[in-house]
Protein backbone atom coordinates (compact mmCIF):
# COMPACT_ATOMS: atom_id res chain seq x y z
CA UNK A 1 7.73 7.35 1.20
CA UNK A 2 5.49 10.02 -0.27
CA UNK A 3 4.31 7.74 -3.07
CA UNK A 4 2.79 5.28 -0.64
CA UNK A 5 1.18 8.09 1.36
CA UNK A 6 -0.37 9.57 -1.77
CA UNK A 7 -1.56 6.13 -2.89
CA UNK A 8 -3.33 5.60 0.42
CA UNK A 9 -4.87 9.07 0.39
CA UNK A 10 -6.12 8.52 -3.17
CA UNK A 11 -7.78 5.33 -2.03
CA UNK A 12 -9.69 6.96 0.80
CA UNK A 13 -7.48 6.44 3.85
CA UNK A 14 -7.75 9.62 5.95
CA UNK A 15 -4.61 11.70 6.47
CA UNK A 16 -4.91 11.41 10.26
CA UNK A 17 -4.78 7.61 9.95
CA UNK A 18 -1.91 7.51 7.44
CA UNK A 19 0.12 9.91 9.54
CA UNK A 20 -0.04 7.61 12.55
CA UNK A 21 1.08 4.46 10.68
CA UNK A 22 4.65 3.18 10.41
CA UNK A 23 6.21 2.79 6.98
CA UNK A 24 5.77 -0.99 7.21
CA UNK A 25 2.06 -0.64 7.95
CA UNK A 26 1.64 1.86 5.10
CA UNK A 27 3.30 -0.57 2.69
CA UNK A 28 1.10 -3.44 3.87
CA UNK A 29 -1.99 -1.29 3.40
CA UNK A 30 -0.87 -0.38 -0.13
CA UNK A 31 -0.40 -4.07 -0.96
CA UNK A 32 -3.80 -4.94 0.52
CA UNK A 33 -5.52 -2.26 -1.57
CA UNK A 34 -3.66 -3.29 -4.73
CA UNK A 35 -4.56 -6.94 -4.19
CA UNK A 36 -8.22 -6.00 -3.86
CA UNK A 37 -7.83 -4.41 -7.29
CA UNK A 38 -6.33 -7.61 -8.76
CA UNK A 39 -2.57 -7.25 -8.23
CA UNK A 40 -0.51 -10.13 -6.85
CA UNK A 41 2.37 -9.28 -4.51
CA UNK A 42 5.28 -11.69 -4.05
CA UNK A 43 6.37 -11.25 -0.43
CA UNK A 44 9.58 -13.26 -0.92
CA UNK A 45 10.73 -11.07 -3.83
CA UNK A 46 9.08 -7.95 -2.33
CA UNK A 47 7.55 -6.92 -5.65
CA UNK A 48 4.39 -7.35 -7.67
CA UNK A 49 4.17 -10.33 -10.00
CA UNK A 50 3.85 -9.71 -13.71
CA UNK A 51 0.67 -10.72 -15.47
């Protein structure tokens, strides 16, 4: 839980916003940020793809 919160804070999401989000929304936001940085998330496997 705290890892995703710290990830979002490090990427500029304000604490007041993060605090109001559900865990599902926080995870989706983390995936969206990571994908903007080039990661590929496999929603069926619920993990990032290698490579």
